[in-house]
Each structure stands twice: as structure tokens, then as C-alpha cells.
Amino acid sequence: MKIQVFFMVLFPIVCFSQKIFSVEYASQADIKVYVVDYKSQADLKVFTLDYFSQAKRNEGLWYFVDYPSQADKKIFFVDYPSQSDLKIFFVEYKSQSGWNSNSKKHLLY
């Protein structure tokens, strides 16, 4: 019984946290990302967190980890929008984060 409760509590945290690692080469990445100039151009508005414990669900709250093994997703920043799987815009406030286009949401699950 204790084990079941442990997994019920732990499983949502593991599935929906947004731990991100930025790789050096496109071939190492799960997702190729392009940073747009305007939030209206983005699929996802991203707020960068200071602490992992603040990362919740797939809502654009990203915590950048130090090692690839700690990450849920590895990303590579591309130079051109046509090379990207996902277009993002970095926002200044946590409340501004979120999806503009739900069609790409599956990329971060």
C-alpha cells in the first residue's frame, strides 16, 4: 500500500516536470528550438525558473539542468525557424508562460 501511494505521488511530478538541457549538436537533441522575436510568433511562451521545485506540468515553465542525464528533454537552439520543431519566446513573468499553439504540445511530453 505504501509503495502504491509513493508512485501515485511521484508519477505526476516525473511526467510533467520541465527539466531541460541545451545540447551542443542537433543530433543529440530531442527537440530543435528557435527563439522568435515576438510572443505572437511562438508556439510556446517560456519562463525560466530558478528552482526545479517550481517546475509544474507542460506549461512553459522550464528549469535548465546542468547534465543531460537530469533532463526530461534535450533541446538544440537552431538559427532559422524552418529548422525548428518548436518556436519559443522567453517571457519576463511566470504568469505569461503557456502555449499559443496546442498542436505542438506533444513535443514536451
N, C-alpha and C. Protein backbone atom coordinates (compact mmCIF):
# COMPACT_ATOMS: atom_id res chain seq x y z
N MET A 1 0.82 -1.19 0.00
CA MET A 1 0.00 0.00 0.00
C MET A 1 0.87 1.26 0.00
N LYS A 2 1.91 1.27 0.83
CA LYS A 2 2.79 2.44 0.89
C LYS A 2 3.48 2.68 -0.45
N ILE A 3 3.85 1.61 -1.13
CA ILE A 3 4.52 1.73 -2.43
C ILE A 3 3.57 2.33 -3.46
N GLN A 4 2.31 1.91 -3.44
CA GLN A 4 1.33 2.46 -4.38
C GLN A 4 1.14 3.96 -4.17
N VAL A 5 1.04 4.38 -2.94
CA VAL A 5 0.88 5.80 -2.63
C VAL A 5 2.11 6.57 -3.08
N PHE A 6 3.28 6.02 -2.84
CA PHE A 6 4.52 6.67 -3.26
C PHE A 6 4.53 6.91 -4.77
N PHE A 7 4.16 5.89 -5.56
CA PHE A 7 4.16 6.04 -7.01
C PHE A 7 3.06 6.98 -7.50
N MET A 8 1.93 7.00 -6.82
CA MET A 8 0.85 7.92 -7.21
C MET A 8 1.26 9.37 -6.98
N VAL A 9 2.06 9.61 -5.97
CA VAL A 9 2.53 10.96 -5.68
C VAL A 9 3.70 11.32 -6.60
N LEU A 10 4.61 10.41 -6.81
CA LEU A 10 5.81 10.68 -7.60
C LEU A 10 5.54 10.73 -9.10
N PHE A 11 4.67 9.90 -9.61
CA PHE A 11 4.46 9.78 -11.06
C PHE A 11 4.07 11.10 -11.73
N PRO A 12 3.12 11.87 -11.22
CA PRO A 12 2.80 13.14 -11.89
C PRO A 12 3.96 14.11 -11.90
N ILE A 13 4.77 14.13 -10.89
CA ILE A 13 5.92 15.04 -10.84
C ILE A 13 6.92 14.67 -11.92
N VAL A 14 7.19 13.40 -12.08
CA VAL A 14 8.15 12.95 -13.08
C VAL A 14 7.63 13.20 -14.49
N CYS A 15 6.37 12.96 -14.73
CA CYS A 15 5.81 13.07 -16.07
C CYS A 15 5.69 14.51 -16.56
N PHE A 16 5.39 15.43 -15.68
CA PHE A 16 5.05 16.76 -16.14
C PHE A 16 6.09 17.82 -15.82
N SER A 17 7.16 17.47 -15.18
CA SER A 17 8.18 18.48 -14.90
C SER A 17 8.91 18.82 -16.18
N GLN A 18 9.42 20.03 -16.26
CA GLN A 18 10.07 20.52 -17.47
C GLN A 18 11.54 20.78 -17.19
N LYS A 19 12.30 19.71 -17.06
CA LYS A 19 13.74 19.82 -16.88
C LYS A 19 14.37 19.77 -18.26
N ILE A 20 15.09 20.81 -18.62
CA ILE A 20 15.60 20.98 -19.98
C ILE A 20 17.13 21.06 -19.95
N PHE A 21 17.75 20.42 -20.93
CA PHE A 21 19.19 20.54 -21.12
C PHE A 21 19.45 20.99 -22.55
N SER A 22 20.29 21.99 -22.71
CA SER A 22 20.64 22.50 -24.02
C SER A 22 21.91 21.80 -24.52
N VAL A 23 21.78 21.07 -25.62
CA VAL A 23 22.90 20.30 -26.17
C VAL A 23 23.68 21.12 -27.20
N GLU A 24 24.88 20.64 -27.53
CA GLU A 24 25.75 21.36 -28.46
C GLU A 24 25.50 21.01 -29.93
N TYR A 25 24.92 19.84 -30.17
CA TYR A 25 24.73 19.38 -31.55
C TYR A 25 23.27 18.97 -31.77
N ALA A 26 22.76 19.27 -32.95
CA ALA A 26 21.37 18.96 -33.28
C ALA A 26 21.07 17.46 -33.17
N SER A 27 22.04 16.64 -33.50
CA SER A 27 21.84 15.19 -33.47
C SER A 27 21.63 14.65 -32.05
N GLN A 28 22.02 15.42 -31.04
CA GLN A 28 21.85 15.00 -29.65
C GLN A 28 20.49 15.39 -29.08
N ALA A 29 19.75 16.21 -29.80
CA ALA A 29 18.53 16.82 -29.26
C ALA A 29 17.29 15.97 -29.49
N ASP A 30 16.36 16.08 -28.54
CA ASP A 30 15.02 15.53 -28.72
C ASP A 30 14.18 16.51 -29.55
N ILE A 31 14.42 17.80 -29.33
CA ILE A 31 13.64 18.86 -29.98
C ILE A 31 14.58 19.96 -30.44
N LYS A 32 14.32 20.46 -31.65
CA LYS A 32 15.06 21.63 -32.15
C LYS A 32 14.18 22.85 -31.94
N VAL A 33 14.77 23.89 -31.31
CA VAL A 33 14.02 25.06 -30.87
C VAL A 33 14.56 26.32 -31.52
N TYR A 34 13.63 27.19 -31.91
CA TYR A 34 14.00 28.50 -32.44
C TYR A 34 13.38 29.56 -31.55
N VAL A 35 14.16 30.57 -31.17
CA VAL A 35 13.66 31.66 -30.33
C VAL A 35 13.20 32.79 -31.25
N VAL A 36 11.91 33.11 -31.19
CA VAL A 36 11.32 34.15 -32.04
C VAL A 36 11.44 35.52 -31.39
N ASP A 37 11.20 36.56 -32.19
CA ASP A 37 11.32 37.94 -31.71
C ASP A 37 10.06 38.45 -31.00
N TYR A 38 8.92 37.87 -31.34
CA TYR A 38 7.65 38.34 -30.78
C TYR A 38 6.84 37.17 -30.23
N LYS A 39 6.16 37.39 -29.11
CA LYS A 39 5.42 36.30 -28.49
C LYS A 39 4.30 35.76 -29.36
N SER A 40 3.76 36.58 -30.24
CA SER A 40 2.69 36.12 -31.13
C SER A 40 3.19 35.11 -32.17
N GLN A 41 4.48 35.07 -32.41
CA GLN A 41 5.07 34.12 -33.37
C GLN A 41 5.37 32.77 -32.73
N ALA A 42 5.32 32.69 -31.43
CA ALA A 42 5.76 31.50 -30.70
C ALA A 42 4.66 30.44 -30.58
N ASP A 43 5.09 29.19 -30.56
CA ASP A 43 4.20 28.09 -30.20
C ASP A 43 4.07 28.04 -28.68
N LEU A 44 5.17 28.36 -28.00
CA LEU A 44 5.23 28.28 -26.54
C LEU A 44 5.95 29.49 -25.98
N LYS A 45 5.34 30.09 -24.95
CA LYS A 45 5.99 31.18 -24.21
C LYS A 45 6.63 30.56 -22.97
N VAL A 46 7.94 30.75 -22.84
CA VAL A 46 8.73 30.06 -21.81
C VAL A 46 9.20 31.03 -20.74
N PHE A 47 9.04 30.61 -19.49
CA PHE A 47 9.63 31.32 -18.36
C PHE A 47 10.69 30.41 -17.75
N THR A 48 11.88 30.94 -17.56
CA THR A 48 12.98 30.16 -16.99
C THR A 48 12.94 30.24 -15.47
N LEU A 49 12.90 29.09 -14.84
CA LEU A 49 12.80 29.00 -13.38
C LEU A 49 14.17 28.99 -12.72
N ASP A 50 14.21 29.47 -11.48
CA ASP A 50 15.43 29.44 -10.69
C ASP A 50 15.58 28.13 -9.92
N TYR A 51 14.45 27.48 -9.64
CA TYR A 51 14.47 26.27 -8.82
C TYR A 51 13.64 25.17 -9.49
N PHE A 52 14.15 23.95 -9.46
CA PHE A 52 13.45 22.82 -10.05
C PHE A 52 12.08 22.62 -9.43
N SER A 53 11.96 22.84 -8.14
CA SER A 53 10.70 22.58 -7.45
C SER A 53 9.55 23.44 -7.97
N GLN A 54 9.85 24.50 -8.70
CA GLN A 54 8.81 25.37 -9.25
C GLN A 54 8.26 24.84 -10.57
N ALA A 55 8.93 23.88 -11.18
CA ALA A 55 8.50 23.36 -12.48
C ALA A 55 7.25 22.52 -12.32
N LYS A 56 6.22 22.91 -13.03
CA LYS A 56 4.95 22.19 -12.97
C LYS A 56 4.41 21.98 -14.38
N ARG A 57 4.03 20.78 -14.65
CA ARG A 57 3.34 20.41 -15.88
C ARG A 57 4.01 20.88 -17.15
N ASN A 58 3.26 20.85 -18.22
CA ASN A 58 3.75 21.22 -19.54
C ASN A 58 3.18 22.61 -19.87
N GLU A 59 3.61 23.61 -19.11
CA GLU A 59 3.03 24.95 -19.23
C GLU A 59 4.05 26.02 -19.57
N GLY A 60 5.22 25.62 -20.02
CA GLY A 60 6.23 26.61 -20.39
C GLY A 60 7.10 27.08 -19.25
N LEU A 61 7.08 26.37 -18.15
CA LEU A 61 7.95 26.69 -17.01
C LEU A 61 9.14 25.74 -17.08
N TRP A 62 10.26 26.26 -17.53
CA TRP A 62 11.44 25.43 -17.76
C TRP A 62 12.51 25.67 -16.72
N TYR A 63 13.12 24.57 -16.30
CA TYR A 63 14.29 24.62 -15.43
C TYR A 63 15.44 23.98 -16.20
N PHE A 64 16.49 24.74 -16.45
CA PHE A 64 17.65 24.23 -17.18
C PHE A 64 18.58 23.50 -16.22
N VAL A 65 18.82 22.23 -16.50
CA VAL A 65 19.68 21.40 -15.65
C VAL A 65 21.12 21.43 -16.17
N ASP A 66 22.04 20.97 -15.34
CA ASP A 66 23.46 21.02 -15.66
C ASP A 66 23.97 19.82 -16.46
N TYR A 67 23.23 18.72 -16.39
CA TYR A 67 23.69 17.49 -17.05
C TYR A 67 22.57 16.85 -17.87
N PRO A 68 22.91 16.25 -19.00
CA PRO A 68 21.87 15.63 -19.85
C PRO A 68 21.08 14.54 -19.14
N SER A 69 21.72 13.82 -18.25
CA SER A 69 21.04 12.73 -17.55
C SER A 69 19.94 13.23 -16.60
N GLN A 70 19.97 14.50 -16.24
CA GLN A 70 18.96 15.08 -15.35
C GLN A 70 17.74 15.58 -16.12
N ALA A 71 17.84 15.67 -17.43
CA ALA A 71 16.82 16.33 -18.23
C ALA A 71 15.69 15.39 -18.66
N ASP A 72 14.49 15.98 -18.74
CA ASP A 72 13.36 15.28 -19.36
C ASP A 72 13.45 15.41 -20.87
N LYS A 73 13.91 16.57 -21.32
CA LYS A 73 14.06 16.83 -22.76
C LYS A 73 15.38 17.54 -23.02
N LYS A 74 16.03 17.14 -24.12
CA LYS A 74 17.25 17.81 -24.57
C LYS A 74 16.89 18.64 -25.79
N ILE A 75 17.29 19.91 -25.77
CA ILE A 75 16.95 20.80 -26.88
C ILE A 75 18.21 21.35 -27.54
N PHE A 76 18.04 21.73 -28.79
CA PHE A 76 19.11 22.38 -29.54
C PHE A 76 18.52 23.65 -30.14
N PHE A 77 19.20 24.78 -29.92
CA PHE A 77 18.74 26.06 -30.46
C PHE A 77 19.25 26.20 -31.89
N VAL A 78 18.33 26.34 -32.83
CA VAL A 78 18.67 26.45 -34.25
C VAL A 78 18.71 27.92 -34.67
N ASP A 79 19.30 28.17 -35.84
CA ASP A 79 19.47 29.54 -36.34
C ASP A 79 18.30 30.05 -37.18
N TYR A 80 17.50 29.13 -37.70
CA TYR A 80 16.42 29.53 -38.60
C TYR A 80 15.11 28.85 -38.20
N PRO A 81 13.98 29.56 -38.34
CA PRO A 81 12.68 28.98 -37.96
C PRO A 81 12.35 27.70 -38.71
N SER A 82 12.77 27.60 -39.96
CA SER A 82 12.45 26.42 -40.76
C SER A 82 13.15 25.15 -40.26
N GLN A 83 14.18 25.32 -39.46
CA GLN A 83 14.91 24.17 -38.91
C GLN A 83 14.30 23.65 -37.61
N SER A 84 13.35 24.37 -37.07
CA SER A 84 12.86 24.07 -35.72
C SER A 84 11.65 23.14 -35.70
N ASP A 85 11.54 22.43 -34.58
CA ASP A 85 10.33 21.67 -34.28
C ASP A 85 9.37 22.54 -33.48
N LEU A 86 9.94 23.47 -32.71
CA LEU A 86 9.17 24.29 -31.79
C LEU A 86 9.72 25.71 -31.77
N LYS A 87 8.82 26.69 -31.83
CA LYS A 87 9.21 28.09 -31.74
C LYS A 87 8.82 28.61 -30.36
N ILE A 88 9.80 29.22 -29.67
CA ILE A 88 9.54 29.70 -28.32
C ILE A 88 9.86 31.19 -28.20
N PHE A 89 9.30 31.78 -27.16
CA PHE A 89 9.58 33.17 -26.81
C PHE A 89 9.78 33.19 -25.30
N PHE A 90 10.89 33.76 -24.83
CA PHE A 90 11.15 33.85 -23.40
C PHE A 90 10.42 35.06 -22.83
N VAL A 91 9.60 34.83 -21.80
CA VAL A 91 8.83 35.89 -21.15
C VAL A 91 9.49 36.30 -19.84
N GLU A 92 9.12 37.48 -19.36
CA GLU A 92 9.71 38.02 -18.14
C GLU A 92 9.02 37.54 -16.87
N TYR A 93 7.75 37.16 -16.98
CA TYR A 93 6.98 36.80 -15.80
C TYR A 93 6.38 35.41 -15.95
N LYS A 94 6.33 34.69 -14.85
CA LYS A 94 5.81 33.33 -14.80
C LYS A 94 4.38 33.25 -15.33
N SER A 95 3.58 34.24 -15.01
CA SER A 95 2.17 34.25 -15.40
C SER A 95 1.97 34.40 -16.91
N GLN A 96 3.00 34.82 -17.63
CA GLN A 96 2.90 35.00 -19.08
C GLN A 96 3.21 33.71 -19.85
N SER A 97 3.71 32.70 -19.18
CA SER A 97 4.10 31.47 -19.87
C SER A 97 2.87 30.68 -20.30
N GLY A 98 3.05 29.86 -21.31
CA GLY A 98 1.96 29.00 -21.78
C GLY A 98 2.01 28.77 -23.27
N TRP A 99 1.09 27.96 -23.73
CA TRP A 99 1.03 27.56 -25.14
C TRP A 99 0.18 28.51 -25.95
N ASN A 100 0.69 28.93 -27.10
CA ASN A 100 -0.10 29.65 -28.09
C ASN A 100 -0.72 28.65 -29.06
N SER A 101 -0.02 27.55 -29.28
CA SER A 101 -0.44 26.53 -30.24
C SER A 101 -0.39 25.16 -29.59
N ASN A 102 -1.55 24.60 -29.32
CA ASN A 102 -1.61 23.28 -28.68
C ASN A 102 -1.17 22.15 -29.60
N SER A 103 -1.03 22.43 -30.87
CA SER A 103 -0.65 21.38 -31.82
C SER A 103 0.77 20.85 -31.59
N LYS A 104 1.60 21.62 -30.90
CA LYS A 104 2.99 21.20 -30.65
C LYS A 104 3.20 20.71 -29.21
N LYS A 105 2.14 20.70 -28.44
CA LYS A 105 2.24 20.36 -27.02
C LYS A 105 2.82 18.96 -26.78
N HIS A 106 2.55 18.06 -27.68
CA HIS A 106 3.02 16.67 -27.53
C HIS A 106 4.55 16.57 -27.54
N LEU A 107 5.23 17.55 -28.08
CA LEU A 107 6.69 17.51 -28.17
C LEU A 107 7.37 17.48 -26.80
N LEU A 108 6.71 18.02 -25.80
CA LEU A 108 7.32 18.10 -24.47
C LEU A 108 6.76 17.08 -23.48
N TYR A 109 6.02 16.09 -23.96
CA TYR A 109 5.55 15.02 -23.07
C TYR A 109 6.52 13.88 -23.11
